[in-house]
Protein backbone atom coordinates (compact mmCIF):
# COMPACT_ATOMS: atom_id res chain seq x y z
CA MET A 1 72.11 117.81 71.62
CA THR A 2 73.51 119.38 74.74
CA HIS A 3 75.54 122.56 74.84
CA ARG A 4 78.14 123.35 77.40
CA SER A 5 77.66 126.65 79.17
CA GLY A 6 80.92 127.96 77.66
CA GLN A 7 79.55 127.47 74.16
CA ARG A 8 76.35 129.31 75.03
CA SER A 9 78.26 132.25 76.48
CA LEU A 10 80.53 132.39 73.42
CA TRP A 11 77.55 132.62 71.04
CA ARG A 12 75.82 135.10 73.35
CA SER A 13 78.96 137.28 73.29
CA ILE A 14 79.14 137.09 69.49
CA ARG A 15 75.46 138.00 69.21
CA ASN A 16 75.88 140.91 71.64
CA LEU A 17 78.87 142.30 69.74
CA TRP A 18 77.46 141.69 66.25
CA ASN A 19 76.39 145.31 65.63
CA GLU A 20 79.89 146.53 66.50
CA VAL A 21 81.44 143.98 64.15
CA LYS A 22 78.93 144.82 61.42
CA TYR A 23 79.46 148.57 61.55
CA ASN A 24 83.24 148.43 61.92
CA SER A 25 83.98 146.09 59.05
CA LYS A 26 83.72 146.16 55.29
CA VAL A 27 84.25 143.62 52.58
CA LYS A 28 87.41 144.19 50.59
CA VAL A 29 86.35 143.25 47.07
CA LEU A 30 88.95 141.36 45.07
CA ASP A 31 87.42 138.68 42.82
CA ARG A 32 83.78 139.78 43.46
CA ARG A 33 82.52 136.20 43.74
CA LYS A 34 81.69 136.15 47.47
CA THR A 35 80.44 139.68 48.01
CA MET A 36 76.72 140.33 47.75
CA PHE A 37 76.05 143.49 45.74
CA TRP A 38 73.14 144.81 47.83
CA LYS A 39 73.54 143.09 51.19
CA ASP A 40 77.25 143.30 52.06
CA ASN A 41 79.03 146.44 53.23
CA TRP A 42 81.61 146.74 50.45
CA HIS A 43 81.10 150.19 48.93
CA GLU A 44 82.99 153.17 50.37
CA LYS A 45 79.71 155.02 51.03
CA GLY A 46 78.09 152.07 52.83
CA ASN A 47 75.56 149.31 52.34
CA LEU A 48 73.75 149.83 49.01
CA GLU A 49 70.46 148.35 50.21
CA GLU A 50 70.38 150.95 53.00
CA LEU A 51 71.66 153.85 50.86
CA PHE A 52 69.27 153.21 47.96
CA PRO A 53 66.21 151.36 49.32
CA ASP A 54 64.04 152.76 46.53
CA VAL A 55 66.32 151.37 43.80
CA TYR A 56 66.75 148.10 45.72
CA ASN A 57 62.97 147.65 45.73
CA LEU A 58 62.88 148.12 41.95
CA VAL A 59 65.37 145.38 41.03
CA THR A 60 64.46 141.74 40.51
CA PHE A 61 67.75 140.17 41.61
CA GLN A 62 68.28 141.39 45.19
CA SER A 63 70.60 138.63 46.40
CA GLY A 64 73.22 138.62 43.66
CA PHE A 65 76.97 138.64 44.03
CA ILE A 66 78.97 141.48 42.50
CA ALA A 67 80.57 139.12 39.95
CA ALA A 68 77.13 138.00 38.72
CA LEU A 69 75.89 141.57 38.24
CA TRP A 70 78.95 143.09 36.57
CA THR A 71 79.64 142.61 32.86
CA LEU A 72 82.09 144.29 30.53
CA GLN A 73 79.17 146.48 29.39
CA GLY A 74 78.40 147.62 32.96
CA TRP A 75 76.01 146.66 35.72
CA ASN A 76 73.40 144.10 34.73
CA LEU A 77 70.43 145.27 36.78
CA ASN A 78 66.95 144.08 35.80
CA PHE A 79 64.02 146.11 37.06
CA ARG A 80 60.64 144.68 38.07
CA ARG A 81 58.87 147.18 35.82
CA HIS A 82 59.52 150.17 33.60
CA LEU A 83 60.85 153.14 35.53
CA ASN A 84 58.64 156.14 36.15
CA ASN A 85 60.01 159.53 35.15
CA TRP A 86 60.74 160.51 38.75
CA GLU A 87 62.74 157.29 39.32
CA VAL A 88 65.13 157.75 36.39
CA GLN A 89 67.17 160.45 38.16
CA ARG A 90 67.49 158.33 41.30
CA VAL A 91 68.67 155.29 39.29
CA ALA A 92 71.19 157.53 37.48
CA GLU A 93 72.46 158.77 40.87
CA PHE A 94 72.76 155.17 42.03
CA LEU A 95 74.69 154.11 38.89
CA ASN A 96 77.07 157.04 39.30
CA THR A 97 77.70 155.90 42.87
CA VAL A 98 78.55 152.32 41.90
CA GLU A 99 80.88 153.10 39.01
CA PRO A 100 82.98 150.06 38.17
CA SER A 101 85.89 149.33 40.41
CA ASN A 102 89.28 148.13 39.23
CA GLY A 103 89.56 144.76 37.52
CA LEU A 104 89.08 141.33 38.98
CA GLN A 105 91.83 139.90 41.10
CA THR A 106 92.57 136.26 41.74
CA ARG A 107 92.37 136.46 45.54
CA GLU A 108 89.01 135.94 47.23
CA ASP A 109 87.02 138.79 48.78
CA ILE A 110 87.86 139.27 52.46
CA LEU A 111 86.25 140.84 55.52
CA TRP A 112 88.19 143.99 56.43
CA TRP A 113 88.20 145.55 59.91
CA THR A 114 88.06 149.34 59.52
CA GLY A 115 89.66 150.00 62.91
CA ASN A 116 93.18 149.87 61.48
CA ASN A 117 94.87 150.15 58.10
CA ARG A 118 95.87 146.46 57.99
CA GLY A 119 92.25 145.33 58.22
CA VAL A 120 92.71 142.96 61.13
């Protein structure tokens, strides 16, 4: 497969600007089916994997979507082992941070540019 030089420069430009795109965009959560709970930048405080690496390392399901982890009873997080006493407070802090958002909407989750209030 051959690539034209224009295609290579396009992908090089995207790769070079990726950090700017990553840090200036968030996922606007609507139906929760396409947004990864730990990996995507959807929470107002930032990426949960980066904010709570200790809790992230305790859970068994690290690649789940928000819709798969949220039930009417709350967050369905399974831990790899029983929590130690010193970890309970940190998990409580984490759960207070990710309190449930408003109900599901029918529109799909979208990438939202934080540089303006319209998200584009």
